[in-house]
């Protein structure tokens, strides 16, 4: 087999593998009244060891809030009081805000990696 063709086939197979990776957030959009709780759920299909939650405010870079490596929670220093989280298994991770307020008005993003 021609080496160039083999490289093309390998590249196509690798690309197909990455296309199947799925990370979903539920709900996709959430509006909350001040003082009400907010629960966001992230799921991923690749059984990745690490899952992350980020907060993205307008005109700011995304800020890492917390992440799980396997089932071990790692938090940024200023998130202990503000955010709760759980990871019942490798496929799911939640982010919980006990009482919504203007300071929490942001886009929340989840991600996963090996």
N, C-alpha and C. Protein backbone atom coordinates (compact mmCIF):
# COMPACT_ATOMS: atom_id res chain seq x y z
N UNK A 1 0.85 -1.18 0.00
CA UNK A 1 0.00 0.00 0.00
C UNK A 1 0.89 1.24 0.00
N UNK A 2 0.50 2.21 -0.78
CA UNK A 2 1.24 3.47 -0.86
C UNK A 2 1.23 4.15 0.51
N UNK A 3 2.39 4.57 1.05
CA UNK A 3 2.46 5.21 2.37
C UNK A 3 1.58 6.45 2.49
N UNK A 4 1.45 7.21 1.39
CA UNK A 4 0.60 8.41 1.45
C UNK A 4 -0.86 8.02 1.65
N UNK A 5 -1.29 6.95 1.00
CA UNK A 5 -2.66 6.48 1.16
C UNK A 5 -2.88 5.97 2.58
N UNK A 6 -1.90 5.25 3.11
CA UNK A 6 -2.00 4.74 4.48
C UNK A 6 -2.14 5.89 5.47
N UNK A 7 -1.34 6.95 5.29
CA UNK A 7 -1.44 8.13 6.17
C UNK A 7 -2.82 8.75 6.08
N UNK A 8 -3.36 8.83 4.87
CA UNK A 8 -4.69 9.40 4.68
C UNK A 8 -5.74 8.56 5.39
N UNK A 9 -5.66 7.24 5.27
CA UNK A 9 -6.61 6.34 5.92
C UNK A 9 -6.52 6.48 7.44
N UNK A 10 -5.30 6.51 7.98
CA UNK A 10 -5.12 6.67 9.43
C UNK A 10 -5.70 8.00 9.89
N UNK A 11 -5.42 9.08 9.15
CA UNK A 11 -5.94 10.39 9.52
C UNK A 11 -7.47 10.37 9.52
N UNK A 12 -8.07 9.77 8.51
CA UNK A 12 -9.54 9.71 8.43
C UNK A 12 -10.12 8.93 9.60
N UNK A 13 -9.47 7.83 9.97
CA UNK A 13 -9.95 7.04 11.11
C UNK A 13 -9.83 7.83 12.40
N UNK A 14 -8.73 8.55 12.58
CA UNK A 14 -8.58 9.37 13.78
C UNK A 14 -9.63 10.47 13.82
N UNK A 15 -9.89 11.10 12.71
CA UNK A 15 -10.89 12.15 12.66
C UNK A 15 -12.27 11.60 13.00
N UNK A 16 -12.59 10.41 12.52
CA UNK A 16 -13.87 9.79 12.82
C UNK A 16 -13.99 9.49 14.31
N UNK A 17 -12.91 9.12 14.95
CA UNK A 17 -12.93 8.85 16.39
C UNK A 17 -13.29 10.11 17.15
N UNK A 18 -12.70 11.25 16.79
CA UNK A 18 -12.96 12.49 17.51
C UNK A 18 -14.37 13.00 17.27
N UNK A 19 -14.94 12.75 16.12
CA UNK A 19 -16.29 13.21 15.83
C UNK A 19 -17.29 12.55 16.76
N UNK A 20 -17.03 11.31 17.19
CA UNK A 20 -17.96 10.59 18.04
C UNK A 20 -17.93 11.06 19.50
N UNK A 21 -16.96 11.85 19.89
CA UNK A 21 -16.88 12.35 21.25
C UNK A 21 -17.97 13.38 21.47
N UNK A 22 -18.74 13.19 22.54
CA UNK A 22 -19.85 14.09 22.81
C UNK A 22 -19.80 14.57 24.25
N UNK A 23 -19.91 15.88 24.43
CA UNK A 23 -20.10 16.49 25.74
C UNK A 23 -21.38 17.30 25.65
N UNK A 24 -22.32 17.05 26.56
CA UNK A 24 -23.60 17.75 26.54
C UNK A 24 -23.86 18.38 27.90
N UNK A 25 -24.47 19.55 27.86
CA UNK A 25 -24.90 20.22 29.07
C UNK A 25 -26.42 20.25 29.09
N UNK A 26 -26.98 20.04 30.29
CA UNK A 26 -28.42 20.05 30.45
C UNK A 26 -28.77 20.84 31.70
N UNK A 27 -29.60 21.84 31.63
CA UNK A 27 -30.23 22.34 30.41
C UNK A 27 -29.23 23.12 29.57
N UNK A 28 -29.54 23.24 28.30
CA UNK A 28 -28.65 23.98 27.41
C UNK A 28 -28.67 25.47 27.74
N UNK A 29 -29.85 25.98 28.06
CA UNK A 29 -30.02 27.37 28.48
C UNK A 29 -30.76 27.38 29.80
N UNK A 30 -30.39 28.28 30.69
CA UNK A 30 -31.05 28.34 32.00
C UNK A 30 -31.14 29.79 32.45
N UNK A 31 -32.34 30.23 32.74
CA UNK A 31 -32.57 31.52 33.36
C UNK A 31 -33.07 31.23 34.76
N UNK A 32 -32.57 31.95 35.75
CA UNK A 32 -32.97 31.70 37.13
C UNK A 32 -33.29 33.01 37.82
N UNK A 33 -34.26 32.97 38.69
CA UNK A 33 -34.60 34.13 39.51
C UNK A 33 -33.58 34.26 40.63
N UNK A 34 -33.35 35.49 41.04
CA UNK A 34 -32.44 35.75 42.16
C UNK A 34 -32.93 34.97 43.38
N UNK A 35 -32.01 34.29 44.03
CA UNK A 35 -32.33 33.52 45.23
C UNK A 35 -32.72 32.07 44.98
N UNK A 36 -32.98 31.71 43.74
CA UNK A 36 -33.38 30.33 43.41
C UNK A 36 -32.15 29.48 43.11
N UNK A 37 -32.23 28.17 43.40
CA UNK A 37 -31.10 27.28 43.10
C UNK A 37 -30.99 26.99 41.60
N UNK A 38 -29.78 26.68 41.18
CA UNK A 38 -29.50 26.33 39.78
C UNK A 38 -28.67 25.05 39.77
N UNK A 39 -29.09 24.08 38.99
CA UNK A 39 -28.34 22.83 38.86
C UNK A 39 -28.07 22.58 37.38
N UNK A 40 -26.81 22.47 37.01
CA UNK A 40 -26.41 22.19 35.64
C UNK A 40 -25.75 20.82 35.60
N UNK A 41 -26.06 20.05 34.57
CA UNK A 41 -25.53 18.70 34.45
C UNK A 41 -24.75 18.57 33.15
N UNK A 42 -23.60 17.96 33.24
CA UNK A 42 -22.75 17.71 32.08
C UNK A 42 -22.60 16.20 31.91
N UNK A 43 -22.71 15.75 30.67
CA UNK A 43 -22.48 14.33 30.39
C UNK A 43 -21.50 14.21 29.23
N UNK A 44 -20.74 13.12 29.24
CA UNK A 44 -19.79 12.85 28.16
C UNK A 44 -19.79 11.37 27.86
N UNK A 45 -19.51 11.04 26.60
CA UNK A 45 -19.67 9.67 26.13
C UNK A 45 -18.38 8.87 26.03
N UNK A 46 -17.25 9.48 26.36
CA UNK A 46 -15.98 8.78 26.15
C UNK A 46 -15.35 8.24 27.43
N UNK A 47 -16.09 8.27 28.53
CA UNK A 47 -15.58 7.76 29.80
C UNK A 47 -14.26 8.42 30.19
N UNK A 48 -14.14 9.71 29.91
CA UNK A 48 -12.93 10.46 30.26
C UNK A 48 -12.76 10.53 31.77
N UNK A 49 -11.51 10.54 32.20
CA UNK A 49 -11.19 10.62 33.63
C UNK A 49 -11.45 12.00 34.21
N UNK A 50 -11.27 13.04 33.40
CA UNK A 50 -11.30 14.40 33.92
C UNK A 50 -12.46 15.18 33.31
N UNK A 51 -13.20 15.88 34.19
CA UNK A 51 -14.28 16.77 33.75
C UNK A 51 -14.09 18.12 34.42
N UNK A 52 -14.37 19.19 33.67
CA UNK A 52 -14.12 20.56 34.11
C UNK A 52 -15.40 21.39 34.04
N UNK A 53 -15.51 22.38 34.93
CA UNK A 53 -16.54 23.42 34.83
C UNK A 53 -15.84 24.77 34.77
N UNK A 54 -16.25 25.60 33.79
CA UNK A 54 -15.73 26.95 33.61
C UNK A 54 -16.87 27.96 33.71
N UNK A 55 -16.53 29.16 34.11
CA UNK A 55 -17.46 30.29 34.11
C UNK A 55 -16.93 31.32 33.12
N UNK A 56 -17.80 31.77 32.21
CA UNK A 56 -17.40 32.77 31.20
C UNK A 56 -18.30 33.98 31.33
N UNK A 57 -17.72 35.09 31.80
CA UNK A 57 -18.45 36.35 31.91
C UNK A 57 -18.12 37.21 30.69
N UNK A 58 -19.02 38.14 30.32
CA UNK A 58 -18.76 38.99 29.15
C UNK A 58 -17.42 39.72 29.24
N UNK A 59 -16.72 39.76 28.14
CA UNK A 59 -15.43 40.46 28.02
C UNK A 59 -14.34 39.91 28.95
N UNK A 60 -14.48 38.67 29.38
CA UNK A 60 -13.46 38.03 30.22
C UNK A 60 -13.15 36.65 29.64
N UNK A 61 -11.97 36.18 29.94
CA UNK A 61 -11.59 34.82 29.55
C UNK A 61 -12.34 33.82 30.42
N UNK A 62 -12.58 32.61 29.92
CA UNK A 62 -13.20 31.59 30.78
C UNK A 62 -12.34 31.35 32.02
N UNK A 63 -13.01 31.16 33.14
CA UNK A 63 -12.33 30.95 34.42
C UNK A 63 -12.65 29.53 34.91
N UNK A 64 -11.61 28.76 35.20
CA UNK A 64 -11.81 27.42 35.73
C UNK A 64 -12.40 27.52 37.13
N UNK A 65 -13.53 26.85 37.36
CA UNK A 65 -14.15 26.82 38.68
C UNK A 65 -13.69 25.60 39.47
N UNK A 66 -13.79 24.45 38.81
CA UNK A 66 -13.44 23.19 39.47
C UNK A 66 -13.27 22.11 38.42
N UNK A 67 -12.66 21.02 38.84
CA UNK A 67 -12.56 19.87 37.95
C UNK A 67 -12.47 18.60 38.78
N UNK A 68 -12.87 17.52 38.16
CA UNK A 68 -12.75 16.19 38.76
C UNK A 68 -11.69 15.43 38.01
N UNK A 69 -10.81 14.78 38.73
CA UNK A 69 -9.96 13.75 38.14
C UNK A 69 -10.46 12.46 38.75
N UNK A 70 -11.02 11.60 37.93
CA UNK A 70 -11.74 10.42 38.37
C UNK A 70 -12.87 10.92 39.27
N UNK A 71 -12.90 10.59 40.54
CA UNK A 71 -13.97 11.09 41.41
C UNK A 71 -13.44 12.08 42.44
N UNK A 72 -12.22 12.56 42.24
CA UNK A 72 -11.61 13.49 43.19
C UNK A 72 -11.86 14.92 42.72
N UNK A 73 -12.53 15.70 43.56
CA UNK A 73 -12.87 17.08 43.24
C UNK A 73 -11.71 18.00 43.56
N UNK A 74 -11.36 18.85 42.62
CA UNK A 74 -10.33 19.89 42.79
C UNK A 74 -10.99 21.23 42.50
N UNK A 75 -10.89 22.16 43.45
CA UNK A 75 -11.55 23.46 43.31
C UNK A 75 -10.54 24.58 43.24
N UNK A 76 -10.93 25.64 42.57
CA UNK A 76 -10.17 26.88 42.66
C UNK A 76 -10.49 27.51 44.01
N UNK A 77 -9.56 28.25 44.57
CA UNK A 77 -9.67 28.74 45.95
C UNK A 77 -10.95 29.53 46.22
N UNK A 78 -11.40 30.34 45.28
CA UNK A 78 -12.55 31.20 45.56
C UNK A 78 -13.90 30.55 45.22
N UNK A 79 -13.94 29.25 44.99
CA UNK A 79 -15.20 28.59 44.63
C UNK A 79 -15.80 27.76 45.76
N UNK A 80 -15.14 27.62 46.89
CA UNK A 80 -15.62 26.74 47.96
C UNK A 80 -17.01 27.11 48.43
N UNK A 81 -17.27 28.38 48.66
CA UNK A 81 -18.56 28.81 49.19
C UNK A 81 -19.63 28.92 48.11
N UNK A 82 -19.23 29.17 46.89
CA UNK A 82 -20.18 29.55 45.84
C UNK A 82 -20.78 28.38 45.07
N UNK A 83 -19.98 27.35 44.83
CA UNK A 83 -20.41 26.28 43.93
C UNK A 83 -20.26 24.91 44.60
N UNK A 84 -21.25 24.06 44.37
CA UNK A 84 -21.18 22.67 44.80
C UNK A 84 -21.14 21.81 43.53
N UNK A 85 -20.66 20.59 43.68
CA UNK A 85 -20.57 19.72 42.52
C UNK A 85 -20.60 18.27 42.96
N UNK A 86 -21.02 17.42 42.04
CA UNK A 86 -20.95 15.98 42.29
C UNK A 86 -20.62 15.27 40.99
N UNK A 87 -20.06 14.09 41.13
CA UNK A 87 -19.75 13.25 39.97
C UNK A 87 -20.07 11.80 40.36
N UNK A 88 -21.31 11.39 40.14
CA UNK A 88 -21.72 10.04 40.55
C UNK A 88 -21.02 8.92 39.77
N UNK A 89 -20.60 9.21 38.54
CA UNK A 89 -19.86 8.23 37.74
C UNK A 89 -19.04 9.00 36.70
N UNK A 90 -18.26 8.30 35.90
CA UNK A 90 -17.37 8.97 34.95
C UNK A 90 -18.11 9.67 33.81
N UNK A 91 -19.38 9.39 33.62
CA UNK A 91 -20.12 9.99 32.51
C UNK A 91 -20.79 11.31 32.85
N UNK A 92 -21.01 11.59 34.13
CA UNK A 92 -21.79 12.77 34.53
C UNK A 92 -21.05 13.60 35.57
N UNK A 93 -21.33 14.91 35.53
CA UNK A 93 -20.78 15.85 36.51
C UNK A 93 -21.78 16.99 36.63
N UNK A 94 -22.08 17.43 37.85
CA UNK A 94 -23.03 18.53 38.02
C UNK A 94 -22.36 19.74 38.64
N UNK A 95 -22.97 20.89 38.41
CA UNK A 95 -22.56 22.15 39.04
C UNK A 95 -23.81 22.73 39.67
N UNK A 96 -23.74 23.05 40.95
CA UNK A 96 -24.91 23.52 41.70
C UNK A 96 -24.61 24.87 42.32
N UNK A 97 -25.51 25.83 42.09
CA UNK A 97 -25.46 27.14 42.72
C UNK A 97 -26.67 27.20 43.64
N UNK A 98 -26.44 27.33 44.93
CA UNK A 98 -27.53 27.27 45.91
C UNK A 98 -28.50 28.42 45.83
N UNK A 99 -28.02 29.60 45.50
CA UNK A 99 -28.86 30.79 45.46
C UNK A 99 -28.36 31.71 44.35
N UNK A 100 -29.08 31.75 43.24
CA UNK A 100 -28.66 32.56 42.10
C UNK A 100 -28.64 34.04 42.46
N UNK A 101 -27.66 34.74 41.93
CA UNK A 101 -27.54 36.18 42.13
C UNK A 101 -26.87 36.80 40.92
N UNK A 102 -26.86 38.11 40.85
CA UNK A 102 -26.27 38.79 39.70
C UNK A 102 -24.80 38.44 39.51
N UNK A 103 -24.08 38.18 40.60
CA UNK A 103 -22.66 37.84 40.49
C UNK A 103 -22.44 36.50 39.78
N UNK A 104 -23.50 35.69 39.66
CA UNK A 104 -23.41 34.40 38.97
C UNK A 104 -23.87 34.48 37.52
N UNK A 105 -24.28 35.65 37.08
CA UNK A 105 -24.76 35.81 35.72
C UNK A 105 -23.58 35.61 34.76
N UNK A 106 -23.59 34.49 34.05
CA UNK A 106 -22.47 34.11 33.19
C UNK A 106 -22.86 32.92 32.34
N UNK A 107 -21.98 32.56 31.43
CA UNK A 107 -22.11 31.33 30.68
C UNK A 107 -21.28 30.28 31.42
N UNK A 108 -21.84 29.10 31.63
CA UNK A 108 -21.13 28.01 32.30
C UNK A 108 -20.86 26.92 31.27
N UNK A 109 -19.62 26.49 31.22
CA UNK A 109 -19.17 25.53 30.21
C UNK A 109 -18.55 24.32 30.88
N UNK A 110 -18.84 23.16 30.36
CA UNK A 110 -18.16 21.96 30.85
C UNK A 110 -17.32 21.36 29.73
N UNK A 111 -16.32 20.61 30.14
CA UNK A 111 -15.42 19.95 29.19
C UNK A 111 -14.92 18.66 29.81
N UNK A 112 -14.39 17.78 28.99
CA UNK A 112 -13.82 16.54 29.51
C UNK A 112 -12.53 16.22 28.76
N UNK A 113 -11.67 15.44 29.42
CA UNK A 113 -10.43 15.01 28.78
C UNK A 113 -9.94 13.73 29.43
N UNK A 114 -9.01 13.08 28.79
CA UNK A 114 -8.42 11.85 29.32
C UNK A 114 -7.59 12.15 30.48
